[in-house]
């Protein structure tokens, strides 16, 4: 692996289709670790990824080492997401149609610390600006107790990185998402939104 072999590509709509299986495998691998502890479900992954492919305004930002997908970041208008994602915004009288939702970013450990995380955010925010009609970008992060015994001793969360990007955690904007947790099973997980004005200055 060399720096010169690394590249980032931005895709949208049905251009995502050839990469759906690669991204599904990557999500299951990365999200198995703390803090998501996702046990993985190929059928769910196929359906989840297909929803992004169906949205003509969606975006995939893929990181490649040569032709191998080593990272992926997603986004789409919040209005195109599952209605359960809308409720925290409706409850705050925020217009769902004006929010661009940043789905998630996953990157294999060997490729972290090389600026790819910033590239993921830059590309998704640029995509939202190019579409027009959005005032806010937002994402949801899982809430875990500080004293959870499963938390790795060396774990560093992304809070400082997200704040540096201008995102602010919104404690009053939360939802519950269900997924199979490693060695636990089907569990509802609290997720809290982080938001940022789309025209915020870096």
C-alpha atoms as a PDB file:
ATOM      1  CA  UNK A   1       0.000   0.000   0.000  1.00  0.00           C
ATOM      2  CA  UNK A   2       1.404   3.397  -0.992  1.00  0.00           C
ATOM      3  CA  UNK A   3       0.093   6.941  -0.647  1.00  0.00           C
ATOM      4  CA  UNK A   4       0.128   7.268  -4.444  1.00  0.00           C
ATOM      5  CA  UNK A   5      -2.246   4.276  -4.723  1.00  0.00           C
ATOM      6  CA  UNK A   6      -4.889   5.950  -2.555  1.00  0.00           C
ATOM      7  CA  UNK A   7      -7.712   7.790  -4.277  1.00  0.00           C
ATOM      8  CA  UNK A   8     -11.176   9.119  -3.455  1.00  0.00           C
ATOM      9  CA  UNK A   9     -14.090   8.949  -5.896  1.00  0.00           C
ATOM     10  CA  UNK A  10     -17.518  10.572  -5.613  1.00  0.00           C
ATOM     11  CA  UNK A  11     -20.504   8.670  -7.024  1.00  0.00           C
ATOM     12  CA  UNK A  12     -24.241   9.281  -7.016  1.00  0.00           C
ATOM     13  CA  UNK A  13     -27.488   7.455  -7.773  1.00  0.00           C
ATOM     14  CA  UNK A  14     -27.278   4.233  -9.745  1.00  0.00           C
ATOM     15  CA  UNK A  15     -23.529   4.729 -10.334  1.00  0.00           C
ATOM     16  CA  UNK A  16     -23.249   3.224  -6.837  1.00  0.00           C
ATOM     17  CA  UNK A  17     -24.628  -0.158  -7.866  1.00  0.00           C
ATOM     18  CA  UNK A  18     -21.313  -1.859  -8.827  1.00  0.00           C
ATOM     19  CA  UNK A  19     -19.907  -1.046  -5.378  1.00  0.00           C
ATOM     20  CA  UNK A  20     -22.845  -1.967  -3.131  1.00  0.00           C
ATOM     21  CA  UNK A  21     -21.481  -5.371  -2.110  1.00  0.00           C
ATOM     22  CA  UNK A  22     -18.019  -3.922  -1.404  1.00  0.00           C
ATOM     23  CA  UNK A  23     -19.495  -1.219   0.814  1.00  0.00           C
ATOM     24  CA  UNK A  24     -21.789  -3.698   2.594  1.00  0.00           C
ATOM     25  CA  UNK A  25     -18.816  -5.922   3.470  1.00  0.00           C
ATOM     26  CA  UNK A  26     -16.834  -2.912   4.631  1.00  0.00           C
ATOM     27  CA  UNK A  27     -19.669  -1.672   6.847  1.00  0.00           C
ATOM     28  CA  UNK A  28     -20.068  -5.070   8.488  1.00  0.00           C
ATOM     29  CA  UNK A  29     -16.336  -5.289   9.171  1.00  0.00           C
ATOM     30  CA  UNK A  30     -15.853  -1.783  10.576  1.00  0.00           C
ATOM     31  CA  UNK A  31     -19.128  -1.534  12.487  1.00  0.00           C
ATOM     32  CA  UNK A  32     -18.417  -4.805  14.290  1.00  0.00           C
ATOM     33  CA  UNK A  33     -15.960  -2.824  16.431  1.00  0.00           C
ATOM     34  CA  UNK A  34     -16.743  -0.396  19.229  1.00  0.00           C
ATOM     35  CA  UNK A  35     -18.912   1.652  19.516  1.00  0.00           C
ATOM     36  CA  UNK A  36     -21.452   0.028  17.176  1.00  0.00           C
ATOM     37  CA  UNK A  37     -20.750  -3.653  17.912  1.00  0.00           C
ATOM     38  CA  UNK A  38     -22.897  -4.539  14.902  1.00  0.00           C
ATOM     39  CA  UNK A  39     -23.168  -8.285  14.343  1.00  0.00           C
ATOM     40  CA  UNK A  40     -23.799  -7.821  10.622  1.00  0.00           C
ATOM     41  CA  UNK A  41     -26.708  -8.822   8.398  1.00  0.00           C
ATOM     42  CA  UNK A  42     -26.024  -9.179   4.647  1.00  0.00           C
ATOM     43  CA  UNK A  43     -29.727  -8.977   3.744  1.00  0.00           C
ATOM     44  CA  UNK A  44     -30.159  -5.747   5.710  1.00  0.00           C
ATOM     45  CA  UNK A  45     -27.007  -4.322   4.155  1.00  0.00           C
ATOM     46  CA  UNK A  46     -28.222  -5.012   0.618  1.00  0.00           C
ATOM     47  CA  UNK A  47     -31.546  -3.299   1.329  1.00  0.00           C
ATOM     48  CA  UNK A  48     -29.893  -0.354   3.086  1.00  0.00           C
ATOM     49  CA  UNK A  49     -27.398   0.238   0.280  1.00  0.00           C
ATOM     50  CA  UNK A  50     -30.080  -0.159  -2.395  1.00  0.00           C
ATOM     51  CA  UNK A  51     -32.026   2.719  -0.821  1.00  0.00           C
ATOM     52  CA  UNK A  52     -29.064   5.005  -1.470  1.00  0.00           C
ATOM     53  CA  UNK A  53     -28.799   3.789  -5.048  1.00  0.00           C
ATOM     54  CA  UNK A  54     -32.488   4.604  -5.592  1.00  0.00           C
ATOM     55  CA  UNK A  55     -32.069   8.211  -4.476  1.00  0.00           C
ATOM     56  CA  UNK A  56     -30.876  10.286  -7.444  1.00  0.00           C
ATOM     57  CA  UNK A  57     -29.538  12.901  -5.010  1.00  0.00           C
ATOM     58  CA  UNK A  58     -27.519  10.492  -2.868  1.00  0.00           C
ATOM     59  CA  UNK A  59     -23.745  10.446  -2.687  1.00  0.00           C
ATOM     60  CA  UNK A  60     -21.125   7.773  -2.029  1.00  0.00           C
ATOM     61  CA  UNK A  61     -17.575   8.882  -1.391  1.00  0.00           C
ATOM     62  CA  UNK A  62     -15.338   5.856  -1.812  1.00  0.00           C
ATOM     63  CA  UNK A  63     -11.688   5.520  -0.802  1.00  0.00           C
ATOM     64  CA  UNK A  64      -9.620   3.129  -2.900  1.00  0.00           C
ATOM     65  CA  UNK A  65      -6.220   1.536  -2.493  1.00  0.00           C
ATOM     66  CA  UNK A  66      -5.673   0.808  -6.153  1.00  0.00           C
ATOM     67  CA  UNK A  67      -8.989  -0.798  -7.097  1.00  0.00           C
ATOM     68  CA  UNK A  68      -9.787  -2.092  -3.597  1.00  0.00           C
ATOM     69  CA  UNK A  69     -12.489  -0.235  -1.650  1.00  0.00           C
ATOM     70  CA  UNK A  70     -11.003   0.570   1.776  1.00  0.00           C
ATOM     71  CA  UNK A  71     -13.408   3.258   2.924  1.00  0.00           C
ATOM     72  CA  UNK A  72     -16.868   4.623   2.205  1.00  0.00           C
ATOM     73  CA  UNK A  73     -18.972   7.559   3.243  1.00  0.00           C
ATOM     74  CA  UNK A  74     -22.622   8.149   2.370  1.00  0.00           C
ATOM     75  CA  UNK A  75     -25.171  10.927   2.289  1.00  0.00           C
ATOM     76  CA  UNK A  76     -28.615  11.758   0.946  1.00  0.00           C
ATOM     77  CA  UNK A  77     -31.407  14.261   1.557  1.00  0.00           C
ATOM     78  CA  UNK A  78     -32.987  13.576   4.926  1.00  0.00           C
ATOM     79  CA  UNK A  79     -36.365  13.538   3.146  1.00  0.00           C
ATOM     80  CA  UNK A  80     -35.192  10.400   1.290  1.00  0.00           C
ATOM     81  CA  UNK A  81     -34.293   8.592   4.524  1.00  0.00           C
ATOM     82  CA  UNK A  82     -36.582   6.417   6.633  1.00  0.00           C
ATOM     83  CA  UNK A  83     -39.319   8.513   8.307  1.00  0.00           C
ATOM     84  CA  UNK A  84     -37.937   7.542  11.721  1.00  0.00           C
ATOM     85  CA  UNK A  85     -34.982   9.829  11.025  1.00  0.00           C
ATOM     86  CA  UNK A  86     -37.321  12.774  10.432  1.00  0.00           C
ATOM     87  CA  UNK A  87     -39.009  12.862  13.831  1.00  0.00           C
ATOM     88  CA  UNK A  88     -36.230  14.602  15.857  1.00  0.00           C
ATOM     89  CA  UNK A  89     -36.209  17.419  13.292  1.00  0.00           C
ATOM     90  CA  UNK A  90     -39.982  17.715  13.091  1.00  0.00           C
ATOM     91  CA  UNK A  91     -40.112  17.877  16.895  1.00  0.00           C
ATOM     92  CA  UNK A  92     -37.748  20.878  16.764  1.00  0.00           C
ATOM     93  CA  UNK A  93     -39.754  22.549  13.975  1.00  0.00           C
ATOM     94  CA  UNK A  94     -36.864  22.097  11.553  1.00  0.00           C
ATOM     95  CA  UNK A  95     -37.750  21.566   7.901  1.00  0.00           C
ATOM     96  CA  UNK A  96     -36.780  18.016   6.890  1.00  0.00           C
ATOM     97  CA  UNK A  97     -36.512  19.103   3.254  1.00  0.00           C
ATOM     98  CA  UNK A  98     -33.709  21.541   4.150  1.00  0.00           C
ATOM     99  CA  UNK A  99     -31.469  18.922   5.817  1.00  0.00           C
ATOM    100  CA  UNK A 100     -28.845  16.805   4.054  1.00  0.00           C
ATOM    101  CA  UNK A 101     -28.169  13.644   6.045  1.00  0.00           C
ATOM    102  CA  UNK A 102     -24.638  12.265   6.310  1.00  0.00           C
ATOM    103  CA  UNK A 103     -25.167   8.532   6.684  1.00  0.00           C
ATOM    104  CA  UNK A 104     -21.879   7.202   7.991  1.00  0.00           C
ATOM    105  CA  UNK A 105     -18.195   6.905   7.271  1.00  0.00           C
ATOM    106  CA  UNK A 106     -16.279   3.636   7.483  1.00  0.00           C
ATOM    107  CA  UNK A 107     -12.560   3.246   6.906  1.00  0.00           C
ATOM    108  CA  UNK A 108     -10.266   0.292   7.499  1.00  0.00           C
ATOM    109  CA  UNK A 109      -7.879   0.895  10.440  1.00  0.00           C
ATOM    110  CA  UNK A 110      -4.689   0.856   8.341  1.00  0.00           C
ATOM    111  CA  UNK A 111      -5.915   3.869   6.356  1.00  0.00           C
ATOM    112  CA  UNK A 112      -6.889   6.154   9.222  1.00  0.00           C
ATOM    113  CA  UNK A 113      -4.977   9.310  10.050  1.00  0.00           C
ATOM    114  CA  UNK A 114      -4.303  10.176   6.398  1.00  0.00           C
ATOM    115  CA  UNK A 115      -6.904  12.887   5.883  1.00  0.00           C
ATOM    116  CA  UNK A 116      -9.502  10.599   4.319  1.00  0.00           C
ATOM    117  CA  UNK A 117     -12.032  11.422   7.039  1.00  0.00           C
ATOM    118  CA  UNK A 118     -11.831  15.121   6.130  1.00  0.00           C
ATOM    119  CA  UNK A 119     -12.104  14.220   2.436  1.00  0.00           C
ATOM    120  CA  UNK A 120     -15.305  12.301   3.208  1.00  0.00           C
ATOM    121  CA  UNK A 121     -16.891  15.314   4.914  1.00  0.00           C
ATOM    122  CA  UNK A 122     -15.608  17.791   2.314  1.00  0.00           C
ATOM    123  CA  UNK A 123     -17.069  15.799  -0.570  1.00  0.00           C
ATOM    124  CA  UNK A 124     -20.455  15.196   1.046  1.00  0.00           C
ATOM    125  CA  UNK A 125     -20.865  18.824   2.097  1.00  0.00           C
ATOM    126  CA  UNK A 126     -19.832  19.954  -1.400  1.00  0.00           C
ATOM    127  CA  UNK A 127     -22.402  17.574  -2.894  1.00  0.00           C
ATOM    128  CA  UNK A 128     -25.143  19.049  -0.689  1.00  0.00           C
ATOM    129  CA  UNK A 129     -24.163  22.593  -1.696  1.00  0.00           C
ATOM    130  CA  UNK A 130     -24.143  21.646  -5.379  1.00  0.00           C
ATOM    131  CA  UNK A 131     -27.640  20.176  -5.106  1.00  0.00           C
ATOM    132  CA  UNK A 132     -28.932  23.377  -3.543  1.00  0.00           C
ATOM    133  CA  UNK A 133     -31.883  23.808  -1.201  1.00  0.00           C
ATOM    134  CA  UNK A 134     -30.155  22.625   1.991  1.00  0.00           C
ATOM    135  CA  UNK A 135     -29.385  24.718   5.063  1.00  0.00           C
ATOM    136  CA  UNK A 136     -28.064  22.031   7.398  1.00  0.00           C
ATOM    137  CA  UNK A 137     -25.951  18.886   7.308  1.00  0.00           C
ATOM    138  CA  UNK A 138     -26.525  16.331  10.044  1.00  0.00           C
ATOM    139  CA  UNK A 139     -25.522  12.869  11.171  1.00  0.00           C
ATOM    140  CA  UNK A 140     -26.437  10.586  14.067  1.00  0.00           C
ATOM    141  CA  UNK A 141     -23.948   8.898  16.399  1.00  0.00           C
ATOM    142  CA  UNK A 142     -24.624   6.029  18.775  1.00  0.00           C
ATOM    143  CA  UNK A 143     -24.655   6.893  22.486  1.00  0.00           C
ATOM    144  CA  UNK A 144     -22.567   4.664  24.743  1.00  0.00           C
ATOM    145  CA  UNK A 145     -22.023   4.990  28.495  1.00  0.00           C
ATOM    146  CA  UNK A 146     -18.556   6.223  29.468  1.00  0.00           C
ATOM    147  CA  UNK A 147     -18.237   3.351  31.928  1.00  0.00           C
ATOM    148  CA  UNK A 148     -19.337   0.610  29.502  1.00  0.00           C
ATOM    149  CA  UNK A 149     -16.904  -2.250  30.265  1.00  0.00           C
ATOM    150  CA  UNK A 150     -16.722  -3.145  26.573  1.00  0.00           C
ATOM    151  CA  UNK A 151     -15.113   0.168  25.666  1.00  0.00           C
ATOM    152  CA  UNK A 152     -11.503  -0.525  24.535  1.00  0.00           C
ATOM    153  CA  UNK A 153      -8.926   1.115  26.779  1.00  0.00           C
ATOM    154  CA  UNK A 154      -7.202   2.767  23.819  1.00  0.00           C
ATOM    155  CA  UNK A 155     -10.379   3.906  22.077  1.00  0.00           C
ATOM    156  CA  UNK A 156     -10.439   7.501  20.822  1.00  0.00           C
ATOM    157  CA  UNK A 157     -13.842   8.708  19.743  1.00  0.00           C
ATOM    158  CA  UNK A 158     -14.520  11.191  16.953  1.00  0.00           C
ATOM    159  CA  UNK A 159     -15.910  13.990  19.125  1.00  0.00           C
ATOM    160  CA  UNK A 160     -12.919  16.317  18.686  1.00  0.00           C
ATOM    161  CA  UNK A 161     -12.839  15.672  14.935  1.00  0.00           C
ATOM    162  CA  UNK A 162     -16.560  16.396  14.530  1.00  0.00           C
ATOM    163  CA  UNK A 163     -16.319  19.585  16.591  1.00  0.00           C
ATOM    164  CA  UNK A 164     -13.367  20.731  14.514  1.00  0.00           C
ATOM    165  CA  UNK A 165     -15.576  20.300  11.467  1.00  0.00           C
ATOM    166  CA  UNK A 166     -18.109  22.632  13.093  1.00  0.00           C
ATOM    167  CA  UNK A 167     -20.669  20.040  14.156  1.00  0.00           C
ATOM    168  CA  UNK A 168     -22.570  20.438  17.413  1.00  0.00           C
ATOM    169  CA  UNK A 169     -24.210  17.619  19.335  1.00  0.00           C
ATOM    170  CA  UNK A 170     -27.945  18.231  19.828  1.00  0.00           C
ATOM    171  CA  UNK A 171     -28.989  16.438  23.057  1.00  0.00           C
ATOM    172  CA  UNK A 172     -32.679  17.101  22.382  1.00  0.00           C
ATOM    173  CA  UNK A 173     -32.559  15.395  18.992  1.00  0.00           C
ATOM    174  CA  UNK A 174     -32.322  11.643  19.442  1.00  0.00           C
ATOM    175  CA  UNK A 175     -33.870   8.487  18.031  1.00  0.00           C
ATOM    176  CA  UNK A 176     -33.701   4.743  18.541  1.00  0.00           C
ATOM    177  CA  UNK A 177     -32.304   2.361  15.922  1.00  0.00           C
ATOM    178  CA  UNK A 178     -32.445  -1.404  16.147  1.00  0.00           C
ATOM    179  CA  UNK A 179     -29.599  -3.725  15.165  1.00  0.00           C
ATOM    180  CA  UNK A 180     -28.121  -7.062  16.227  1.00  0.00           C
ATOM    181  CA  UNK A 181     -25.320  -6.427  18.678  1.00  0.00           C
ATOM    182  CA  UNK A 182     -22.352  -8.795  18.996  1.00  0.00           C
ATOM    183  CA  UNK A 183     -23.002 -11.381  21.748  1.00  0.00           C
ATOM    184  CA  UNK A 184     -26.208  -9.566  22.757  1.00  0.00           C
ATOM    185  CA  UNK A 185     -28.753  -9.866  19.959  1.00  0.00           C
ATOM    186  CA  UNK A 186     -31.482  -7.531  18.770  1.00  0.00           C
ATOM    187  CA  UNK A 187     -31.230  -4.236  20.686  1.00  0.00           C
ATOM    188  CA  UNK A 188     -32.618  -0.703  20.387  1.00  0.00           C
ATOM    189  CA  UNK A 189     -29.741   1.789  20.389  1.00  0.00           C
ATOM    190  CA  UNK A 190     -30.014   5.501  21.238  1.00  0.00           C
ATOM    191  CA  UNK A 191     -28.607   7.767  18.538  1.00  0.00           C
ATOM    192  CA  UNK A 192     -28.102  11.523  18.887  1.00  0.00           C
ATOM    193  CA  UNK A 193     -27.847  13.964  16.008  1.00  0.00           C
ATOM    194  CA  UNK A 194     -24.993  16.361  15.352  1.00  0.00           C
ATOM    195  CA  UNK A 195     -25.722  19.318  13.057  1.00  0.00           C
ATOM    196  CA  UNK A 196     -23.940  22.124  11.283  1.00  0.00           C
ATOM    197  CA  UNK A 197     -25.126  25.003   9.082  1.00  0.00           C
ATOM    198  CA  UNK A 198     -24.182  24.061   5.542  1.00  0.00           C
ATOM    199  CA  UNK A 199     -22.652  27.460   4.818  1.00  0.00           C
ATOM    200  CA  UNK A 200     -20.488  27.362   7.975  1.00  0.00           C
ATOM    201  CA  UNK A 201     -16.980  28.666   7.437  1.00  0.00           C
ATOM    202  CA  UNK A 202     -14.206  26.100   7.940  1.00  0.00           C
END
